[in-house]
Amino acid sequence: MNQRPEFLESLELVTDALEELAIDYFVTASLASASHGVARATDFDANAMRRARAASPPDSYPTATPEDIILFKLQWLAASGENSQRHRQDVLGVIRAQGDHLDVNYLEECAAVLGVDSLLREVLDS
């Protein structure tokens, strides 16, 4: 029997609320591919979820940490054949804004596991 993944049930709650408020939206990226194919999550995704924290005030919603944003963007950059200047600029922007506050050890450990360590080194050195 093919069970519906829990995150798709959660997504339905969000989309129902958006529709009730007459807000235009569409689902893309991993969520869209999961709804048309096979749902997947990695050990890294689960770790990033646990590490999420509230953004700077006045925002109070949980966001990925700067390190996890960098790692997600590096994965997307690698998947694009390293041709996405937008992802590269996003990564550089987070690095510049965070400066010495970044947990470089965490970045290096995860980048090695995710196979984006050379990209990480490239952006850290630039």
PDB file of N, CA and C in Angstrom:
ATOM      1  N   MET A   1       0.842  -1.175   0.000  1.00  0.00           N
ATOM      2  CA  MET A   1       0.000   0.000   0.000  1.00  0.00           C
ATOM      3  C   MET A   1       0.891   1.244   0.000  1.00  0.00           C
ATOM      4  N   ASN A   2       0.527   2.248  -0.772  1.00  0.00           N
ATOM      5  CA  ASN A   2       1.300   3.467  -0.909  1.00  0.00           C
ATOM      6  C   ASN A   2       0.748   4.537   0.019  1.00  0.00           C
ATOM      7  N   GLN A   3       1.474   4.822   1.136  1.00  0.00           N
ATOM      8  CA  GLN A   3       1.017   5.814   2.085  1.00  0.00           C
ATOM      9  C   GLN A   3       1.454   7.202   1.661  1.00  0.00           C
ATOM     10  N   ARG A   4       0.615   8.175   1.926  1.00  0.00           N
ATOM     11  CA  ARG A   4       0.930   9.559   1.598  1.00  0.00           C
ATOM     12  C   ARG A   4       1.890  10.109   2.650  1.00  0.00           C
ATOM     13  N   PRO A   5       3.016  10.708   2.234  1.00  0.00           N
ATOM     14  CA  PRO A   5       3.977  11.239   3.198  1.00  0.00           C
ATOM     15  C   PRO A   5       3.352  12.322   4.079  1.00  0.00           C
ATOM     16  N   GLU A   6       3.791  12.358   5.322  1.00  0.00           N
ATOM     17  CA  GLU A   6       3.245  13.299   6.302  1.00  0.00           C
ATOM     18  C   GLU A   6       3.425  14.751   5.861  1.00  0.00           C
ATOM     19  N   PHE A   7       4.572  15.075   5.227  1.00  0.00           N
ATOM     20  CA  PHE A   7       4.795  16.465   4.841  1.00  0.00           C
ATOM     21  C   PHE A   7       3.799  16.918   3.784  1.00  0.00           C
ATOM     22  N   LEU A   8       3.305  15.988   2.956  1.00  0.00           N
ATOM     23  CA  LEU A   8       2.298  16.384   1.964  1.00  0.00           C
ATOM     24  C   LEU A   8       0.971  16.701   2.631  1.00  0.00           C
ATOM     25  N   GLU A   9       0.660  16.006   3.713  1.00  0.00           N
ATOM     26  CA  GLU A   9      -0.549  16.338   4.481  1.00  0.00           C
ATOM     27  C   GLU A   9      -0.414  17.723   5.101  1.00  0.00           C
ATOM     28  N   SER A  10       0.785  18.041   5.605  1.00  0.00           N
ATOM     29  CA  SER A  10       1.033  19.371   6.171  1.00  0.00           C
ATOM     30  C   SER A  10       0.946  20.443   5.093  1.00  0.00           C
ATOM     31  N   LEU A  11       1.507  20.143   3.940  1.00  0.00           N
ATOM     32  CA  LEU A  11       1.451  21.084   2.829  1.00  0.00           C
ATOM     33  C   LEU A  11       0.005  21.386   2.445  1.00  0.00           C
ATOM     34  N   GLU A  12      -0.834  20.377   2.483  1.00  0.00           N
ATOM     35  CA  GLU A  12      -2.245  20.571   2.150  1.00  0.00           C
ATOM     36  C   GLU A  12      -2.905  21.564   3.109  1.00  0.00           C
ATOM     37  N   LEU A  13      -2.548  21.520   4.375  1.00  0.00           N
ATOM     38  CA  LEU A  13      -3.088  22.489   5.342  1.00  0.00           C
ATOM     39  C   LEU A  13      -2.687  23.913   4.972  1.00  0.00           C
ATOM     40  N   VAL A  14      -1.435  24.068   4.554  1.00  0.00           N
ATOM     41  CA  VAL A  14      -0.947  25.390   4.167  1.00  0.00           C
ATOM     42  C   VAL A  14      -1.641  25.860   2.899  1.00  0.00           C
ATOM     43  N   THR A  15      -1.738  24.993   1.908  1.00  0.00           N
ATOM     44  CA  THR A  15      -2.363  25.403   0.653  1.00  0.00           C
ATOM     45  C   THR A  15      -3.854  25.695   0.836  1.00  0.00           C
ATOM     46  N   ASP A  16      -4.499  24.938   1.705  1.00  0.00           N
ATOM     47  CA  ASP A  16      -5.913  25.228   2.004  1.00  0.00           C
ATOM     48  C   ASP A  16      -6.063  26.633   2.590  1.00  0.00           C
ATOM     49  N   ALA A  17      -5.147  26.998   3.504  1.00  0.00           N
ATOM     50  CA  ALA A  17      -5.199  28.329   4.109  1.00  0.00           C
ATOM     51  C   ALA A  17      -4.942  29.415   3.066  1.00  0.00           C
ATOM     52  N   LEU A  18      -3.971  29.195   2.178  1.00  0.00           N
ATOM     53  CA  LEU A  18      -3.678  30.169   1.127  1.00  0.00           C
ATOM     54  C   LEU A  18      -4.878  30.347   0.200  1.00  0.00           C
ATOM     55  N   GLU A  19      -5.519  29.246  -0.154  1.00  0.00           N
ATOM     56  CA  GLU A  19      -6.689  29.326  -1.024  1.00  0.00           C
ATOM     57  C   GLU A  19      -7.840  30.041  -0.333  1.00  0.00           C
ATOM     58  N   GLU A  20      -8.027  29.779   0.951  1.00  0.00           N
ATOM     59  CA  GLU A  20      -9.096  30.439   1.704  1.00  0.00           C
ATOM     60  C   GLU A  20      -8.879  31.949   1.759  1.00  0.00           C
ATOM     61  N   LEU A  21      -7.610  32.356   1.800  1.00  0.00           N
ATOM     62  CA  LEU A  21      -7.269  33.780   1.826  1.00  0.00           C
ATOM     63  C   LEU A  21      -7.126  34.374   0.426  1.00  0.00           C
ATOM     64  N   ALA A  22      -7.373  33.564  -0.589  1.00  0.00           N
ATOM     65  CA  ALA A  22      -7.280  33.981  -2.001  1.00  0.00           C
ATOM     66  C   ALA A  22      -5.887  34.505  -2.348  1.00  0.00           C
ATOM     67  N   ILE A  23      -4.870  33.826  -1.831  1.00  0.00           N
ATOM     68  CA  ILE A  23      -3.479  34.177  -2.132  1.00  0.00           C
ATOM     69  C   ILE A  23      -2.976  33.242  -3.223  1.00  0.00           C
ATOM     70  N   ASP A  24      -2.455  33.842  -4.306  1.00  0.00           N
ATOM     71  CA  ASP A  24      -1.893  33.039  -5.388  1.00  0.00           C
ATOM     72  C   ASP A  24      -0.617  32.353  -4.917  1.00  0.00           C
ATOM     73  N   TYR A  25      -0.403  31.132  -5.335  1.00  0.00           N
ATOM     74  CA  TYR A  25       0.788  30.380  -4.964  1.00  0.00           C
ATOM     75  C   TYR A  25       0.970  29.239  -5.934  1.00  0.00           C
ATOM     76  N   PHE A  26       2.125  28.642  -5.897  1.00  0.00           N
ATOM     77  CA  PHE A  26       2.350  27.349  -6.527  1.00  0.00           C
ATOM     78  C   PHE A  26       3.505  26.664  -5.821  1.00  0.00           C
ATOM     79  N   VAL A  27       3.514  25.366  -5.886  1.00  0.00           N
ATOM     80  CA  VAL A  27       4.522  24.558  -5.227  1.00  0.00           C
ATOM     81  C   VAL A  27       5.550  24.155  -6.267  1.00  0.00           C
ATOM     82  N   THR A  28       6.818  24.258  -5.895  1.00  0.00           N
ATOM     83  CA  THR A  28       7.888  23.938  -6.826  1.00  0.00           C
ATOM     84  C   THR A  28       8.998  23.186  -6.093  1.00  0.00           C
ATOM     85  N   ALA A  29      10.075  22.971  -6.766  1.00  0.00           N
ATOM     86  CA  ALA A  29      11.297  22.347  -6.230  1.00  0.00           C
ATOM     87  C   ALA A  29      11.009  20.958  -5.670  1.00  0.00           C
ATOM     88  N   SER A  30      11.630  20.626  -4.557  1.00  0.00           N
ATOM     89  CA  SER A  30      11.541  19.275  -4.003  1.00  0.00           C
ATOM     90  C   SER A  30      10.120  18.869  -3.652  1.00  0.00           C
ATOM     91  N   LEU A  31       9.334  19.815  -3.158  1.00  0.00           N
ATOM     92  CA  LEU A  31       7.952  19.474  -2.807  1.00  0.00           C
ATOM     93  C   LEU A  31       7.154  19.074  -4.039  1.00  0.00           C
ATOM     94  N   ALA A  32       7.354  19.789  -5.120  1.00  0.00           N
ATOM     95  CA  ALA A  32       6.635  19.450  -6.345  1.00  0.00           C
ATOM     96  C   ALA A  32       7.096  18.107  -6.893  1.00  0.00           C
ATOM     97  N   SER A  33       8.396  17.880  -6.892  1.00  0.00           N
ATOM     98  CA  SER A  33       8.869  16.604  -7.423  1.00  0.00           C
ATOM     99  C   SER A  33       8.428  15.450  -6.532  1.00  0.00           C
ATOM    100  N   ALA A  34       8.333  15.688  -5.238  1.00  0.00           N
ATOM    101  CA  ALA A  34       7.864  14.634  -4.324  1.00  0.00           C
ATOM    102  C   ALA A  34       6.395  14.316  -4.575  1.00  0.00           C
ATOM    103  N   SER A  35       5.612  15.330  -4.911  1.00  0.00           N
ATOM    104  CA  SER A  35       4.190  15.068  -5.131  1.00  0.00           C
ATOM    105  C   SER A  35       3.944  14.341  -6.452  1.00  0.00           C
ATOM    106  N   HIS A  36       4.881  14.463  -7.399  1.00  0.00           N
ATOM    107  CA  HIS A  36       4.754  13.783  -8.685  1.00  0.00           C
ATOM    108  C   HIS A  36       5.589  12.514  -8.773  1.00  0.00           C
ATOM    109  N   GLY A  37       6.422  12.316  -7.769  1.00  0.00           N
ATOM    110  CA  GLY A  37       7.337  11.179  -7.821  1.00  0.00           C
ATOM    111  C   GLY A  37       7.491  10.537  -6.463  1.00  0.00           C
ATOM    112  N   VAL A  38       8.715  10.469  -6.011  1.00  0.00           N
ATOM    113  CA  VAL A  38       9.035   9.810  -4.748  1.00  0.00           C
ATOM    114  C   VAL A  38       9.474  10.857  -3.742  1.00  0.00           C
ATOM    115  N   ALA A  39       8.834  10.830  -2.582  1.00  0.00           N
ATOM    116  CA  ALA A  39       9.221  11.750  -1.512  1.00  0.00           C
ATOM    117  C   ALA A  39      10.587  11.345  -0.991  1.00  0.00           C
ATOM    118  N   ARG A  40      11.406  12.358  -0.727  1.00  0.00           N
ATOM    119  CA  ARG A  40      12.716  12.049  -0.175  1.00  0.00           C
ATOM    120  C   ARG A  40      13.126  13.155   0.786  1.00  0.00           C
ATOM    121  N   ALA A  41      13.903  12.773   1.739  1.00  0.00           N
ATOM    122  CA  ALA A  41      14.545  13.716   2.643  1.00  0.00           C
ATOM    123  C   ALA A  41      15.875  13.089   3.008  1.00  0.00           C
ATOM    124  N   THR A  42      16.869  13.901   3.247  1.00  0.00           N
ATOM    125  CA  THR A  42      18.184  13.373   3.573  1.00  0.00           C
ATOM    126  C   THR A  42      18.446  13.556   5.064  1.00  0.00           C
ATOM    127  N   ASP A  43      19.467  12.881   5.550  1.00  0.00           N
ATOM    128  CA  ASP A  43      19.889  13.114   6.936  1.00  0.00           C
ATOM    129  C   ASP A  43      20.225  14.562   7.156  1.00  0.00           C
ATOM    130  N   PHE A  44      20.834  15.261   6.115  1.00  0.00           N
ATOM    131  CA  PHE A  44      21.148  16.683   6.222  1.00  0.00           C
ATOM    132  C   PHE A  44      19.886  17.511   6.388  1.00  0.00           C
ATOM    133  N   ASP A  45      18.808  17.229   5.601  1.00  0.00           N
ATOM    134  CA  ASP A  45      17.551  17.968   5.711  1.00  0.00           C
ATOM    135  C   ASP A  45      16.998  17.901   7.135  1.00  0.00           C
ATOM    136  N   ALA A  46      17.036  16.723   7.727  1.00  0.00           N
ATOM    137  CA  ALA A  46      16.527  16.557   9.092  1.00  0.00           C
ATOM    138  C   ALA A  46      17.370  17.357  10.079  1.00  0.00           C
ATOM    139  N   ASN A  47      18.675  17.368   9.876  1.00  0.00           N
ATOM    140  CA  ASN A  47      19.561  18.129  10.752  1.00  0.00           C
ATOM    141  C   ASN A  47      19.293  19.626  10.612  1.00  0.00           C
ATOM    142  N   ALA A  48      19.110  20.089   9.400  1.00  0.00           N
ATOM    143  CA  ALA A  48      18.815  21.503   9.175  1.00  0.00           C
ATOM    144  C   ALA A  48      17.500  21.890   9.846  1.00  0.00           C
ATOM    145  N   MET A  49      16.532  20.999   9.822  1.00  0.00           N
ATOM    146  CA  MET A  49      15.246  21.268  10.476  1.00  0.00           C
ATOM    147  C   MET A  49      15.439  21.423  11.986  1.00  0.00           C
ATOM    148  N   ARG A  50      16.251  20.554  12.570  1.00  0.00           N
ATOM    149  CA  ARG A  50      16.501  20.640  14.019  1.00  0.00           C
ATOM    150  C   ARG A  50      17.253  21.919  14.381  1.00  0.00           C
ATOM    151  N   ARG A  51      18.105  22.386  13.484  1.00  0.00           N
ATOM    152  CA  ARG A  51      18.921  23.571  13.753  1.00  0.00           C
ATOM    153  C   ARG A  51      18.175  24.878  13.481  1.00  0.00           C
ATOM    154  N   ALA A  52      17.045  24.831  12.806  1.00  0.00           N
ATOM    155  CA  ALA A  52      16.306  26.047  12.450  1.00  0.00           C
ATOM    156  C   ALA A  52      16.016  26.864  13.702  1.00  0.00           C
ATOM    157  N   ARG A  53      16.075  28.187  13.522  1.00  0.00           N
ATOM    158  CA  ARG A  53      15.826  29.080  14.643  1.00  0.00           C
ATOM    159  C   ARG A  53      15.177  30.351  14.125  1.00  0.00           C
ATOM    160  N   ALA A  54      14.655  31.129  15.056  1.00  0.00           N
ATOM    161  CA  ALA A  54      14.002  32.371  14.662  1.00  0.00           C
ATOM    162  C   ALA A  54      15.025  33.302  14.017  1.00  0.00           C
ATOM    163  N   ALA A  55      14.575  33.973  12.984  1.00  0.00           N
ATOM    164  CA  ALA A  55      15.436  34.945  12.321  1.00  0.00           C
ATOM    165  C   ALA A  55      15.580  36.166  13.228  1.00  0.00           C
ATOM    166  N   SER A  56      16.339  37.116  12.781  1.00  0.00           N
ATOM    167  CA  SER A  56      16.537  38.333  13.565  1.00  0.00           C
ATOM    168  C   SER A  56      15.216  39.036  13.809  1.00  0.00           C
ATOM    169  N   PRO A  57      15.047  39.640  14.986  1.00  0.00           N
ATOM    170  CA  PRO A  57      13.818  40.393  15.264  1.00  0.00           C
ATOM    171  C   PRO A  57      13.607  41.429  14.178  1.00  0.00           C
ATOM    172  N   PRO A  58      12.411  41.723  13.771  1.00  0.00           N
ATOM    173  CA  PRO A  58      11.152  41.358  14.413  1.00  0.00           C
ATOM    174  C   PRO A  58      10.565  40.033  13.943  1.00  0.00           C
ATOM    175  N   ASP A  59      11.284  39.314  13.051  1.00  0.00           N
ATOM    176  CA  ASP A  59      10.771  38.034  12.569  1.00  0.00           C
ATOM    177  C   ASP A  59      10.779  37.020  13.707  1.00  0.00           C
ATOM    178  N   SER A  60       9.751  36.184  13.762  1.00  0.00           N
ATOM    179  CA  SER A  60       9.687  35.200  14.831  1.00  0.00           C
ATOM    180  C   SER A  60       9.498  33.782  14.304  1.00  0.00           C
ATOM    181  N   TYR A  61       9.558  33.612  12.998  1.00  0.00           N
ATOM    182  CA  TYR A  61       9.366  32.292  12.410  1.00  0.00           C
ATOM    183  C   TYR A  61      10.714  31.593  12.262  1.00  0.00           C
ATOM    184  N   PRO A  62      10.724  30.272  12.341  1.00  0.00           N
ATOM    185  CA  PRO A  62      12.002  29.558  12.227  1.00  0.00           C
ATOM    186  C   PRO A  62      12.524  29.579  10.795  1.00  0.00           C
ATOM    187  N   THR A  63      13.800  29.817  10.692  1.00  0.00           N
ATOM    188  CA  THR A  63      14.462  29.780   9.391  1.00  0.00           C
ATOM    189  C   THR A  63      15.689  28.886   9.503  1.00  0.00           C
ATOM    190  N   ALA A  64      16.157  28.445   8.368  1.00  0.00           N
ATOM    191  CA  ALA A  64      17.401  27.679   8.348  1.00  0.00           C
ATOM    192  C   ALA A  64      18.522  28.579   8.850  1.00  0.00           C
ATOM    193  N   THR A  65      19.502  27.975   9.491  1.00  0.00           N
ATOM    194  CA  THR A  65      20.652  28.747   9.959  1.00  0.00           C
ATOM    195  C   THR A  65      21.448  29.251   8.756  1.00  0.00           C
ATOM    196  N   PRO A  66      22.269  30.279   8.948  1.00  0.00           N
ATOM    197  CA  PRO A  66      23.090  30.751   7.835  1.00  0.00           C
ATOM    198  C   PRO A  66      23.939  29.633   7.230  1.00  0.00           C
ATOM    199  N   GLU A  67      24.497  28.770   8.084  1.00  0.00           N
ATOM    200  CA  GLU A  67      25.315  27.662   7.575  1.00  0.00           C
ATOM    201  C   GLU A  67      24.494  26.720   6.703  1.00  0.00           C
ATOM    202  N   ASP A  68      23.286  26.394   7.141  1.00  0.00           N
ATOM    203  CA  ASP A  68      22.452  25.475   6.364  1.00  0.00           C
ATOM    204  C   ASP A  68      21.958  26.120   5.074  1.00  0.00           C
ATOM    205  N   ILE A  69      21.712  27.426   5.100  1.00  0.00           N
ATOM    206  CA  ILE A  69      21.345  28.122   3.865  1.00  0.00           C
ATOM    207  C   ILE A  69      22.488  28.006   2.856  1.00  0.00           C
ATOM    208  N   ILE A  70      23.704  28.236   3.335  1.00  0.00           N
ATOM    209  CA  ILE A  70      24.876  28.113   2.459  1.00  0.00           C
ATOM    210  C   ILE A  70      24.957  26.711   1.874  1.00  0.00           C
ATOM    211  N   LEU A  71      24.770  25.691   2.713  1.00  0.00           N
ATOM    212  CA  LEU A  71      24.870  24.311   2.238  1.00  0.00           C
ATOM    213  C   LEU A  71      23.768  23.967   1.238  1.00  0.00           C
ATOM    214  N   PHE A  72      22.535  24.408   1.509  1.00  0.00           N
ATOM    215  CA  PHE A  72      21.450  24.177   0.549  1.00  0.00           C
ATOM    216  C   PHE A  72      21.773  24.847  -0.783  1.00  0.00           C
ATOM    217  N   LYS A  73      22.209  26.097  -0.730  1.00  0.00           N
ATOM    218  CA  LYS A  73      22.526  26.833  -1.958  1.00  0.00           C
ATOM    219  C   LYS A  73      23.679  26.180  -2.719  1.00  0.00           C
ATOM    220  N   LEU A  74      24.684  25.673  -1.982  1.00  0.00           N
ATOM    221  CA  LEU A  74      25.796  24.991  -2.655  1.00  0.00           C
ATOM    222  C   LEU A  74      25.315  23.719  -3.345  1.00  0.00           C
ATOM    223  N   GLN A  75      24.375  23.007  -2.728  1.00  0.00           N
ATOM    224  CA  GLN A  75      23.805  21.819  -3.377  1.00  0.00           C
ATOM    225  C   GLN A  75      23.085  22.213  -4.656  1.00  0.00           C
ATOM    226  N   TRP A  76      22.293  23.279  -4.597  1.00  0.00           N
ATOM    227  CA  TRP A  76      21.571  23.737  -5.781  1.00  0.00           C
ATOM    228  C   TRP A  76      22.550  24.221  -6.851  1.00  0.00           C
ATOM    229  N   LEU A  77      23.601  24.899  -6.400  1.00  0.00           N
ATOM    230  CA  LEU A  77      24.617  25.367  -7.334  1.00  0.00           C
ATOM    231  C   LEU A  77      25.283  24.189  -8.036  1.00  0.00           C
ATOM    232  N   ALA A  78      25.629  23.170  -7.285  1.00  0.00           N
ATOM    233  CA  ALA A  78      26.244  21.974  -7.876  1.00  0.00           C
ATOM    234  C   ALA A  78      25.279  21.299  -8.845  1.00  0.00           C
ATOM    235  N   ALA A  79      24.009  21.229  -8.490  1.00  0.00           N
ATOM    236  CA  ALA A  79      23.009  20.589  -9.346  1.00  0.00           C
ATOM    237  C   ALA A  79      22.803  21.363 -10.646  1.00  0.00           C
ATOM    238  N   SER A  80      23.060  22.657 -10.620  1.00  0.00           N
ATOM    239  CA  SER A  80      22.876  23.478 -11.815  1.00  0.00           C
ATOM    240  C   SER A  80      24.113  23.460 -12.704  1.00  0.00           C
ATOM    241  N   GLY A  81      25.094  22.634 -12.364  1.00  0.00           N
ATOM    242  CA  GLY A  81      26.334  22.618 -13.127  1.00  0.00           C
ATOM    243  C   GLY A  81      27.209  23.809 -12.789  1.00  0.00           C
ATOM    244  N   GLU A  82      26.976  24.372 -11.622  1.00  0.00           N
ATOM    245  CA  GLU A  82      27.725  25.533 -11.114  1.00  0.00           C
ATOM    246  C   GLU A  82      27.531  26.759 -11.988  1.00  0.00           C
ATOM    247  N   ASN A  83      26.408  26.811 -12.700  1.00  0.00           N
ATOM    248  CA  ASN A  83      26.143  27.923 -13.601  1.00  0.00           C
ATOM    249  C   ASN A  83      25.219  28.986 -13.031  1.00  0.00           C
ATOM    250  N   SER A  84      24.693  28.779 -11.839  1.00  0.00           N
ATOM    251  CA  SER A  84      23.731  29.719 -11.289  1.00  0.00           C
ATOM    252  C   SER A  84      24.431  30.839 -10.534  1.00  0.00           C
ATOM    253  N   GLN A  85      24.529  31.987 -11.170  1.00  0.00           N
ATOM    254  CA  GLN A  85      25.125  33.145 -10.495  1.00  0.00           C
ATOM    255  C   GLN A  85      24.268  33.603  -9.321  1.00  0.00           C
ATOM    256  N   ARG A  86      22.966  33.365  -9.418  1.00  0.00           N
ATOM    257  CA  ARG A  86      22.069  33.771  -8.337  1.00  0.00           C
ATOM    258  C   ARG A  86      22.407  33.017  -7.052  1.00  0.00           C
ATOM    259  N   HIS A  87      22.551  31.694  -7.142  1.00  0.00           N
ATOM    260  CA  HIS A  87      22.895  30.912  -5.952  1.00  0.00           C
ATOM    261  C   HIS A  87      24.277  31.289  -5.433  1.00  0.00           C
ATOM    262  N   ARG A  88      25.211  31.482  -6.337  1.00  0.00           N
ATOM    263  CA  ARG A  88      26.567  31.870  -5.939  1.00  0.00           C
ATOM    264  C   ARG A  88      26.538  33.211  -5.199  1.00  0.00           C
ATOM    265  N   GLN A  89      25.797  34.181  -5.729  1.00  0.00           N
ATOM    266  CA  GLN A  89      25.698  35.489  -5.077  1.00  0.00           C
ATOM    267  C   GLN A  89      24.982  35.392  -3.731  1.00  0.00           C
ATOM    268  N   ASP A  90      23.958  34.540  -3.644  1.00  0.00           N
ATOM    269  CA  ASP A  90      23.269  34.332  -2.363  1.00  0.00           C
ATOM    270  C   ASP A  90      24.233  33.794  -1.314  1.00  0.00           C
ATOM    271  N   VAL A  91      25.038  32.806  -1.711  1.00  0.00           N
ATOM    272  CA  VAL A  91      26.012  32.217  -0.790  1.00  0.00           C
ATOM    273  C   VAL A  91      27.008  33.273  -0.332  1.00  0.00           C
ATOM    274  N   LEU A  92      27.551  34.014  -1.274  1.00  0.00           N
ATOM    275  CA  LEU A  92      28.520  35.054  -0.928  1.00  0.00           C
ATOM    276  C   LEU A  92      27.895  36.114  -0.033  1.00  0.00           C
ATOM    277  N   GLY A  93      26.638  36.449  -0.274  1.00  0.00           N
ATOM    278  CA  GLY A  93      25.945  37.430   0.554  1.00  0.00           C
ATOM    279  C   GLY A  93      25.797  36.963   1.997  1.00  0.00           C
ATOM    280  N   VAL A  94      25.455  35.701   2.184  1.00  0.00           N
ATOM    281  CA  VAL A  94      25.326  35.157   3.545  1.00  0.00           C
ATOM    282  C   VAL A  94      26.687  35.130   4.221  1.00  0.00           C
ATOM    283  N   ILE A  95      27.710  34.705   3.501  1.00  0.00           N
ATOM    284  CA  ILE A  95      29.062  34.650   4.068  1.00  0.00           C
ATOM    285  C   ILE A  95      29.521  36.040   4.496  1.00  0.00           C
ATOM    286  N   ARG A  96      29.314  37.020   3.648  1.00  0.00           N
ATOM    287  CA  ARG A  96      29.739  38.397   3.976  1.00  0.00           C
ATOM    288  C   ARG A  96      28.952  38.957   5.152  1.00  0.00           C
ATOM    289  N   ALA A  97      27.649  38.710   5.171  1.00  0.00           N
ATOM    290  CA  ALA A  97      26.813  39.243   6.255  1.00  0.00           C
ATOM    291  C   ALA A  97      27.124  38.595   7.597  1.00  0.00           C
ATOM    292  N   GLN A  98      27.434  37.306   7.573  1.00  0.00           N
ATOM    293  CA  GLN A  98      27.666  36.572   8.823  1.00  0.00           C
ATOM    294  C   GLN A  98      29.103  36.668   9.314  1.00  0.00           C
ATOM    295  N   GLY A  99      30.042  36.820   8.395  1.00  0.00           N
ATOM    296  CA  GLY A  99      31.442  36.973   8.766  1.00  0.00           C
ATOM    297  C   GLY A  99      31.946  35.901   9.707  1.00  0.00           C
ATOM    298  N   ASP A 100      32.532  36.327  10.802  1.00  0.00           N
ATOM    299  CA  ASP A 100      33.130  35.409  11.770  1.00  0.00           C
ATOM    300  C   ASP A 100      32.113  34.628  12.590  1.00  0.00           C
ATOM    301  N   HIS A 101      30.823  34.904  12.411  1.00  0.00           N
ATOM    302  CA  HIS A 101      29.786  34.202  13.170  1.00  0.00           C
ATOM    303  C   HIS A 101      29.467  32.826  12.580  1.00  0.00           C
ATOM    304  N   LEU A 102      29.973  32.539  11.386  1.00  0.00           N
ATOM    305  CA  LEU A 102      29.701  31.245  10.754  1.00  0.00           C
ATOM    306  C   LEU A 102      30.453  30.124  11.458  1.00  0.00           C
ATOM    307  N   ASP A 103      29.796  28.983  11.578  1.00  0.00           N
ATOM    308  CA  ASP A 103      30.430  27.782  12.127  1.00  0.00           C
ATOM    309  C   ASP A 103      31.106  27.057  10.958  1.00  0.00           C
ATOM    310  N   VAL A 104      32.347  27.432  10.696  1.00  0.00           N
ATOM    311  CA  VAL A 104      33.079  26.916   9.544  1.00  0.00           C
ATOM    312  C   VAL A 104      33.318  25.412   9.684  1.00  0.00           C
ATOM    313  N   ASN A 105      33.539  24.924  10.902  1.00  0.00           N
ATOM    314  CA  ASN A 105      33.729  23.479  11.096  1.00  0.00           C
ATOM    315  C   ASN A 105      32.487  22.707  10.654  1.00  0.00           C
ATOM    316  N   TYR A 106      31.312  23.181  11.054  1.00  0.00           N
ATOM    317  CA  TYR A 106      30.056  22.538  10.643  1.00  0.00           C
ATOM    318  C   TYR A 106      29.923  22.583   9.127  1.00  0.00           C
ATOM    319  N   LEU A 107      30.205  23.747   8.536  1.00  0.00           N
ATOM    320  CA  LEU A 107      30.124  23.884   7.086  1.00  0.00           C
ATOM    321  C   LEU A 107      31.027  22.881   6.385  1.00  0.00           C
ATOM    322  N   GLU A 108      32.256  22.779   6.846  1.00  0.00           N
ATOM    323  CA  GLU A 108      33.215  21.877   6.195  1.00  0.00           C
ATOM    324  C   GLU A 108      32.824  20.415   6.351  1.00  0.00           C
ATOM    325  N   GLU A 109      32.359  20.029   7.539  1.00  0.00           N
ATOM    326  CA  GLU A 109      31.940  18.642   7.763  1.00  0.00           C
ATOM    327  C   GLU A 109      30.762  18.275   6.873  1.00  0.00           C
ATOM    328  N   CYS A 110      29.740  19.117   6.855  1.00  0.00           N
ATOM    329  CA  CYS A 110      28.547  18.817   6.056  1.00  0.00           C
ATOM    330  C   CYS A 110      28.841  18.904   4.562  1.00  0.00           C
ATOM    331  N   ALA A 111      29.632  19.887   4.162  1.00  0.00           N
ATOM    332  CA  ALA A 111      29.961  20.029   2.737  1.00  0.00           C
ATOM    333  C   ALA A 111      30.669  18.786   2.219  1.00  0.00           C
ATOM    334  N   ALA A 112      31.535  18.199   3.053  1.00  0.00           N
ATOM    335  CA  ALA A 112      32.225  16.973   2.644  1.00  0.00           C
ATOM    336  C   ALA A 112      31.236  15.832   2.455  1.00  0.00           C
ATOM    337  N   VAL A 113      30.292  15.701   3.378  1.00  0.00           N
ATOM    338  CA  VAL A 113      29.279  14.642   3.280  1.00  0.00           C
ATOM    339  C   VAL A 113      28.388  14.859   2.062  1.00  0.00           C
ATOM    340  N   LEU A 114      28.050  16.123   1.790  1.00  0.00           N
ATOM    341  CA  LEU A 114      27.149  16.443   0.678  1.00  0.00           C
ATOM    342  C   LEU A 114      27.863  16.502  -0.673  1.00  0.00           C
ATOM    343  N   GLY A 115      29.179  16.421  -0.661  1.00  0.00           N
ATOM    344  CA  GLY A 115      29.936  16.454  -1.907  1.00  0.00           C
ATOM    345  C   GLY A 115      30.090  17.835  -2.505  1.00  0.00           C
ATOM    346  N   VAL A 116      29.973  18.875  -1.685  1.00  0.00           N
ATOM    347  CA  VAL A 116      30.121  20.245  -2.184  1.00  0.00           C
ATOM    348  C   VAL A 116      31.287  20.953  -1.501  1.00  0.00           C
ATOM    349  N   ASP A 117      32.240  20.172  -0.981  1.00  0.00           N
ATOM    350  CA  ASP A 117      33.353  20.763  -0.251  1.00  0.00           C
ATOM    351  C   ASP A 117      34.237  21.642  -1.134  1.00  0.00           C
ATOM    352  N   SER A 118      34.430  21.273  -2.381  1.00  0.00           N
ATOM    353  CA  SER A 118      35.253  22.118  -3.261  1.00  0.00           C
ATOM    354  C   SER A 118      34.550  23.445  -3.549  1.00  0.00           C
ATOM    355  N   LEU A 119      33.235  23.403  -3.719  1.00  0.00           N
ATOM    356  CA  LEU A 119      32.473  24.643  -3.917  1.00  0.00           C
ATOM    357  C   LEU A 119      32.526  25.517  -2.671  1.00  0.00           C
ATOM    358  N   LEU A 120      32.412  24.895  -1.507  1.00  0.00           N
ATOM    359  CA  LEU A 120      32.485  25.658  -0.258  1.00  0.00           C
ATOM    360  C   LEU A 120      33.840  26.357  -0.165  1.00  0.00           C
ATOM    361  N   ARG A 121      34.899  25.607  -0.400  1.00  0.00           N
ATOM    362  CA  ARG A 121      36.248  26.197  -0.308  1.00  0.00           C
ATOM    363  C   ARG A 121      36.384  27.349  -1.288  1.00  0.00           C
ATOM    364  N   GLU A 122      35.822  27.171  -2.479  1.00  0.00           N
ATOM    365  CA  GLU A 122      35.900  28.220  -3.511  1.00  0.00           C
ATOM    366  C   GLU A 122      35.229  29.507  -3.040  1.00  0.00           C
ATOM    367  N   VAL A 123      34.018  29.403  -2.486  1.00  0.00           N
ATOM    368  CA  VAL A 123      33.310  30.616  -2.062  1.00  0.00           C
ATOM    369  C   VAL A 123      33.906  31.207  -0.789  1.00  0.00           C
ATOM    370  N   LEU A 124      34.411  30.358   0.103  1.00  0.00           N
ATOM    371  CA  LEU A 124      35.044  30.893   1.319  1.00  0.00           C
ATOM    372  C   LEU A 124      36.333  31.640   0.985  1.00  0.00           C
ATOM    373  N   ASP A 125      37.030  31.182  -0.048  1.00  0.00           N
ATOM    374  CA  ASP A 125      38.286  31.816  -0.435  1.00  0.00           C
ATOM    375  C   ASP A 125      38.092  33.062  -1.287  1.00  0.00           C
ATOM    376  N   SER A 126      36.886  33.291  -1.774  1.00  0.00           N
ATOM    377  CA  SER A 126      36.671  34.448  -2.656  1.00  0.00           C
ATOM    378  C   SER A 126      36.342  35.709  -1.887  1.00  0.00           C
TER     379      SER A 126
END
